[in-house]
Amino acid sequence: MIGKIDKLLEALFNILKFILIVLLITMVGILIAHIWFRYVVNNSLIWSEELLKILLVWFGMLSVAVLAARREHVAIVVFKNKMPGKMAKGCDVIVQALTFVICIIGILLGIEYCISAGFRLTPALRIPYGYAYASIPAAFLFVAIYELRNFLVEIAGKGKYACIDKPEEDLSGGTGIDL
């Protein structure tokens, strides 16, 4: 069962990667245009900084889901590594459950935040702030899906540790140190 879920989540991961690549390329293009117009043409674009801020927030928030899919989020494991096996496993289950609950709370609060923003418009782009704030529930939704999968793996004790394996080039972190 976990294998079937992982295949579906791998497809979702590929969609997420595509979105992040498009966001990054768009940000780089806008940044180059911003610099060109400001310093070469000497006529600044009034909308570029605002759009870059919005895209950067979206990029940062959605990037957290990549970490959740690979189970690379920050953790302090010193105490867990010193615990007996069953206690460490119980700790993992509790952490995964809490993480999932926090994601659900993040989704609900993010939706509430978007609604409270209403249709107030951004100064330069004149788009509703809700579009920018929608990154909060969207990112937490992706993270919640991957964390639910991780929770199921912890309970069942079966399946790969992470839904998505680290790419080979990430394993050394570019330092030449094998992990």
C-alpha atoms as a PDB file:
ATOM      1  CA  MET A   1       0.000   0.000   0.000  1.00  0.00           C
ATOM      2  CA  ILE A   2       2.788   2.437   0.890  1.00  0.00           C
ATOM      3  CA  GLY A   3       4.418   1.656  -2.480  1.00  0.00           C
ATOM      4  CA  LYS A   4       1.271   2.758  -4.343  1.00  0.00           C
ATOM      5  CA  ILE A   5       1.045   5.913  -2.253  1.00  0.00           C
ATOM      6  CA  ASP A   6       4.720   6.630  -2.959  1.00  0.00           C
ATOM      7  CA  LYS A   7       4.165   6.377  -6.721  1.00  0.00           C
ATOM      8  CA  LEU A   8       1.323   8.887  -6.512  1.00  0.00           C
ATOM      9  CA  LEU A   9       3.378  11.175  -4.281  1.00  0.00           C
ATOM     10  CA  GLU A  10       6.325  10.905  -6.652  1.00  0.00           C
ATOM     11  CA  ALA A  11       4.098  12.254  -9.441  1.00  0.00           C
ATOM     12  CA  LEU A  12       2.985  15.054  -7.107  1.00  0.00           C
ATOM     13  CA  PHE A  13       6.662  15.721  -6.310  1.00  0.00           C
ATOM     14  CA  ASN A  14       7.462  16.045 -10.023  1.00  0.00           C
ATOM     15  CA  ILE A  15       4.638  18.569 -10.435  1.00  0.00           C
ATOM     16  CA  LEU A  16       5.955  20.472  -7.414  1.00  0.00           C
ATOM     17  CA  LYS A  17       9.480  20.461  -8.867  1.00  0.00           C
ATOM     18  CA  PHE A  18       8.142  21.780 -12.185  1.00  0.00           C
ATOM     19  CA  ILE A  19       6.309  24.601 -10.399  1.00  0.00           C
ATOM     20  CA  LEU A  20       9.465  25.492  -8.450  1.00  0.00           C
ATOM     21  CA  ILE A  21      11.582  25.488 -11.609  1.00  0.00           C
ATOM     22  CA  VAL A  22       9.089  27.783 -13.360  1.00  0.00           C
ATOM     23  CA  LEU A  23       9.045  30.108 -10.340  1.00  0.00           C
ATOM     24  CA  LEU A  24      12.838  30.252 -10.216  1.00  0.00           C
ATOM     25  CA  ILE A  25      13.237  30.909 -13.950  1.00  0.00           C
ATOM     26  CA  THR A  26      10.532  33.579 -13.766  1.00  0.00           C
ATOM     27  CA  MET A  27      12.240  35.260 -10.810  1.00  0.00           C
ATOM     28  CA  VAL A  28      15.601  35.276 -12.571  1.00  0.00           C
ATOM     29  CA  GLY A  29      14.026  36.717 -15.737  1.00  0.00           C
ATOM     30  CA  ILE A  30      12.229  39.459 -13.826  1.00  0.00           C
ATOM     31  CA  LEU A  31      15.372  40.266 -11.859  1.00  0.00           C
ATOM     32  CA  ILE A  32      17.431  40.608 -15.043  1.00  0.00           C
ATOM     33  CA  ALA A  33      14.734  42.840 -16.572  1.00  0.00           C
ATOM     34  CA  HIS A  34      14.592  44.888 -13.358  1.00  0.00           C
ATOM     35  CA  ILE A  35      18.360  45.458 -13.384  1.00  0.00           C
ATOM     36  CA  TRP A  36      18.384  46.211 -17.114  1.00  0.00           C
ATOM     37  CA  PHE A  37      15.647  48.808 -16.886  1.00  0.00           C
ATOM     38  CA  ARG A  38      17.024  50.431 -13.744  1.00  0.00           C
ATOM     39  CA  TYR A  39      20.685  50.731 -14.710  1.00  0.00           C
ATOM     40  CA  VAL A  40      20.784  50.609 -18.517  1.00  0.00           C
ATOM     41  CA  VAL A  41      17.514  52.166 -19.630  1.00  0.00           C
ATOM     42  CA  ASN A  42      17.400  54.360 -16.493  1.00  0.00           C
ATOM     43  CA  ASN A  43      13.652  53.832 -16.160  1.00  0.00           C
ATOM     44  CA  SER A  44      12.722  51.509 -13.280  1.00  0.00           C
ATOM     45  CA  LEU A  45       9.927  48.990 -13.560  1.00  0.00           C
ATOM     46  CA  ILE A  46       7.356  49.775 -10.888  1.00  0.00           C
ATOM     47  CA  TRP A  47       5.958  46.254 -10.588  1.00  0.00           C
ATOM     48  CA  SER A  48       9.076  44.066 -10.613  1.00  0.00           C
ATOM     49  CA  GLU A  49      10.074  44.289  -6.946  1.00  0.00           C
ATOM     50  CA  GLU A  50       6.563  43.548  -5.785  1.00  0.00           C
ATOM     51  CA  LEU A  51       6.214  40.520  -8.058  1.00  0.00           C
ATOM     52  CA  LEU A  52       9.663  39.248  -7.036  1.00  0.00           C
ATOM     53  CA  LYS A  53       8.675  39.402  -3.367  1.00  0.00           C
ATOM     54  CA  ILE A  54       5.476  37.459  -4.024  1.00  0.00           C
ATOM     55  CA  LEU A  55       7.245  34.833  -6.142  1.00  0.00           C
ATOM     56  CA  LEU A  56      10.029  34.487  -3.574  1.00  0.00           C
ATOM     57  CA  VAL A  57       7.501  33.781  -0.835  1.00  0.00           C
ATOM     58  CA  TRP A  58       5.783  31.186  -3.025  1.00  0.00           C
ATOM     59  CA  PHE A  59       9.151  29.629  -3.883  1.00  0.00           C
ATOM     60  CA  GLY A  60      10.255  29.473  -0.249  1.00  0.00           C
ATOM     61  CA  MET A  61       6.983  28.073   1.037  1.00  0.00           C
ATOM     62  CA  LEU A  62       6.693  25.392  -1.647  1.00  0.00           C
ATOM     63  CA  SER A  63      10.341  24.410  -1.193  1.00  0.00           C
ATOM     64  CA  VAL A  64       9.492  23.203   2.304  1.00  0.00           C
ATOM     65  CA  ALA A  65       7.386  20.436   0.721  1.00  0.00           C
ATOM     66  CA  VAL A  66      10.492  19.177  -1.087  1.00  0.00           C
ATOM     67  CA  LEU A  67      12.166  18.776   2.293  1.00  0.00           C
ATOM     68  CA  ALA A  68       9.128  16.960   3.668  1.00  0.00           C
ATOM     69  CA  ALA A  69       9.069  14.556   0.708  1.00  0.00           C
ATOM     70  CA  ARG A  70      12.737  13.711   1.258  1.00  0.00           C
ATOM     71  CA  ARG A  71      12.446  13.854   5.072  1.00  0.00           C
ATOM     72  CA  GLU A  72      15.275  16.340   5.181  1.00  0.00           C
ATOM     73  CA  HIS A  73      13.713  18.865   7.532  1.00  0.00           C
ATOM     74  CA  VAL A  74      15.783  20.022  10.482  1.00  0.00           C
ATOM     75  CA  ALA A  75      15.751  17.688  13.445  1.00  0.00           C
ATOM     76  CA  ILE A  76      17.697  17.369  16.668  1.00  0.00           C
ATOM     77  CA  VAL A  77      18.374  13.655  16.925  1.00  0.00           C
ATOM     78  CA  VAL A  78      20.971  13.554  19.709  1.00  0.00           C
ATOM     79  CA  PHE A  79      18.446  12.454  22.344  1.00  0.00           C
ATOM     80  CA  LYS A  80      16.516  10.147  20.027  1.00  0.00           C
ATOM     81  CA  ASN A  81      19.693   8.306  19.047  1.00  0.00           C
ATOM     82  CA  LYS A  82      20.391   7.557  22.712  1.00  0.00           C
ATOM     83  CA  MET A  83      16.874   6.189  23.357  1.00  0.00           C
ATOM     84  CA  PRO A  84      16.057   2.486  23.332  1.00  0.00           C
ATOM     85  CA  GLY A  85      14.538   1.242  20.017  1.00  0.00           C
ATOM     86  CA  LYS A  86      10.855   1.208  21.000  1.00  0.00           C
ATOM     87  CA  MET A  87      11.047   4.559  22.747  1.00  0.00           C
ATOM     88  CA  ALA A  88      12.751   6.111  19.698  1.00  0.00           C
ATOM     89  CA  LYS A  89      10.069   4.632  17.415  1.00  0.00           C
ATOM     90  CA  GLY A  90       7.336   6.011  19.696  1.00  0.00           C
ATOM     91  CA  CYS A  91       9.037   9.392  19.603  1.00  0.00           C
ATOM     92  CA  ASP A  92       9.079   9.272  15.774  1.00  0.00           C
ATOM     93  CA  VAL A  93       5.362   8.457  15.654  1.00  0.00           C
ATOM     94  CA  ILE A  94       4.525  11.316  18.021  1.00  0.00           C
ATOM     95  CA  VAL A  95       6.676  13.780  16.060  1.00  0.00           C
ATOM     96  CA  GLN A  96       5.061  12.773  12.752  1.00  0.00           C
ATOM     97  CA  ALA A  97       1.561  13.049  14.241  1.00  0.00           C
ATOM     98  CA  LEU A  98       2.318  16.485  15.691  1.00  0.00           C
ATOM     99  CA  THR A  99       3.829  17.638  12.418  1.00  0.00           C
ATOM    100  CA  PHE A 100       0.719  16.569  10.523  1.00  0.00           C
ATOM    101  CA  VAL A 101      -1.563  18.323  13.030  1.00  0.00           C
ATOM    102  CA  ILE A 102       0.532  21.507  12.778  1.00  0.00           C
ATOM    103  CA  CYS A 103       0.215  21.327   8.979  1.00  0.00           C
ATOM    104  CA  ILE A 104      -3.578  21.090   9.234  1.00  0.00           C
ATOM    105  CA  ILE A 105      -3.575  24.104  11.566  1.00  0.00           C
ATOM    106  CA  GLY A 106      -1.299  25.925   9.078  1.00  0.00           C
ATOM    107  CA  ILE A 107      -3.742  25.183   6.243  1.00  0.00           C
ATOM    108  CA  LEU A 108      -6.709  26.475   8.235  1.00  0.00           C
ATOM    109  CA  LEU A 109      -4.906  29.586   9.467  1.00  0.00           C
ATOM    110  CA  GLY A 110      -3.557  30.237   5.964  1.00  0.00           C
ATOM    111  CA  ILE A 111      -7.052  30.073   4.499  1.00  0.00           C
ATOM    112  CA  GLU A 112      -8.293  32.411   7.226  1.00  0.00           C
ATOM    113  CA  TYR A 113      -5.399  34.772   6.468  1.00  0.00           C
ATOM    114  CA  CYS A 114      -6.278  34.779   2.758  1.00  0.00           C
ATOM    115  CA  ILE A 115      -9.907  35.513   3.532  1.00  0.00           C
ATOM    116  CA  SER A 116      -8.996  38.306   5.951  1.00  0.00           C
ATOM    117  CA  ALA A 117      -6.812  39.885   3.236  1.00  0.00           C
ATOM    118  CA  GLY A 118      -9.989  40.186   1.224  1.00  0.00           C
ATOM    119  CA  PHE A 119      -9.628  41.961  -2.053  1.00  0.00           C
ATOM    120  CA  ARG A 120      -7.125  44.564  -0.896  1.00  0.00           C
ATOM    121  CA  LEU A 121      -4.923  45.249  -3.888  1.00  0.00           C
ATOM    122  CA  THR A 122      -1.140  45.374  -3.991  1.00  0.00           C
ATOM    123  CA  PRO A 123       0.184  48.860  -4.747  1.00  0.00           C
ATOM    124  CA  ALA A 124       2.004  48.215  -8.040  1.00  0.00           C
ATOM    125  CA  LEU A 125       0.466  45.093  -9.548  1.00  0.00           C
ATOM    126  CA  ARG A 126      -3.078  45.808  -8.383  1.00  0.00           C
ATOM    127  CA  ILE A 127      -3.755  42.140  -7.628  1.00  0.00           C
ATOM    128  CA  PRO A 128      -5.427  40.942  -4.416  1.00  0.00           C
ATOM    129  CA  TYR A 129      -3.051  40.226  -1.533  1.00  0.00           C
ATOM    130  CA  GLY A 130      -4.902  36.934  -1.141  1.00  0.00           C
ATOM    131  CA  TYR A 131      -2.974  35.536  -4.114  1.00  0.00           C
ATOM    132  CA  ALA A 132       0.294  36.170  -2.315  1.00  0.00           C
ATOM    133  CA  TYR A 133      -0.999  34.802   0.985  1.00  0.00           C
ATOM    134  CA  ALA A 134      -2.360  31.680  -0.720  1.00  0.00           C
ATOM    135  CA  SER A 135       1.188  30.313  -0.583  1.00  0.00           C
ATOM    136  CA  ILE A 136       0.629  29.520   3.099  1.00  0.00           C
ATOM    137  CA  PRO A 137      -2.240  27.009   2.782  1.00  0.00           C
ATOM    138  CA  ALA A 138      -0.848  25.664  -0.516  1.00  0.00           C
ATOM    139  CA  ALA A 139       2.549  24.885   0.980  1.00  0.00           C
ATOM    140  CA  PHE A 140       1.100  23.414   4.162  1.00  0.00           C
ATOM    141  CA  LEU A 141      -1.184  21.212   2.041  1.00  0.00           C
ATOM    142  CA  PHE A 142       1.793  19.741   0.180  1.00  0.00           C
ATOM    143  CA  VAL A 143       3.718  19.253   3.425  1.00  0.00           C
ATOM    144  CA  ALA A 144       0.679  17.681   5.124  1.00  0.00           C
ATOM    145  CA  ILE A 145       0.329  15.133   2.324  1.00  0.00           C
ATOM    146  CA  TYR A 146       3.968  14.054   2.631  1.00  0.00           C
ATOM    147  CA  GLU A 147       3.893  14.096   6.425  1.00  0.00           C
ATOM    148  CA  LEU A 148       0.759  11.927   6.442  1.00  0.00           C
ATOM    149  CA  ARG A 149       2.653   9.434   4.297  1.00  0.00           C
ATOM    150  CA  ASN A 150       5.608   9.595   6.710  1.00  0.00           C
ATOM    151  CA  PHE A 151       3.248   9.046   9.646  1.00  0.00           C
ATOM    152  CA  LEU A 152       1.756   5.959   7.978  1.00  0.00           C
ATOM    153  CA  VAL A 153       5.263   4.575   7.395  1.00  0.00           C
ATOM    154  CA  GLU A 154       6.161   5.142  11.049  1.00  0.00           C
ATOM    155  CA  ILE A 155       3.029   3.364  12.261  1.00  0.00           C
ATOM    156  CA  ALA A 156       3.245   0.463   9.793  1.00  0.00           C
ATOM    157  CA  GLY A 157       6.989   0.098  10.119  1.00  0.00           C
ATOM    158  CA  LYS A 158       7.099  -0.721   6.407  1.00  0.00           C
ATOM    159  CA  GLY A 159       8.157   1.232   3.369  1.00  0.00           C
ATOM    160  CA  LYS A 160      11.062   3.460   2.502  1.00  0.00           C
ATOM    161  CA  TYR A 161      12.133   6.037   5.054  1.00  0.00           C
ATOM    162  CA  ALA A 162      11.464   8.879   2.612  1.00  0.00           C
ATOM    163  CA  CYS A 163       8.982   9.030  -0.243  1.00  0.00           C
ATOM    164  CA  ILE A 164      11.579  10.645  -2.510  1.00  0.00           C
ATOM    165  CA  ASP A 165      15.220   9.614  -2.288  1.00  0.00           C
ATOM    166  CA  LYS A 166      17.961  12.213  -2.286  1.00  0.00           C
ATOM    167  CA  PRO A 167      19.619  12.616  -5.673  1.00  0.00           C
ATOM    168  CA  GLU A 168      23.126  11.162  -5.819  1.00  0.00           C
ATOM    169  CA  GLU A 169      24.708  14.595  -6.212  1.00  0.00           C
ATOM    170  CA  ASP A 170      23.099  15.708  -2.916  1.00  0.00           C
ATOM    171  CA  LEU A 171      24.578  12.895  -0.858  1.00  0.00           C
ATOM    172  CA  SER A 172      27.978  14.498  -0.410  1.00  0.00           C
ATOM    173  CA  GLY A 173      26.603  18.026  -0.180  1.00  0.00           C
ATOM    174  CA  GLY A 174      29.376  19.176  -2.508  1.00  0.00           C
ATOM    175  CA  THR A 175      31.950  18.869   0.269  1.00  0.00           C
ATOM    176  CA  GLY A 176      33.481  15.600  -0.858  1.00  0.00           C
ATOM    177  CA  ILE A 177      32.406  13.992   2.412  1.00  0.00           C
ATOM    178  CA  ASP A 178      30.417  10.794   1.997  1.00  0.00           C
ATOM    179  CA  LEU A 179      27.381  10.614   4.220  1.00  0.00           C
END
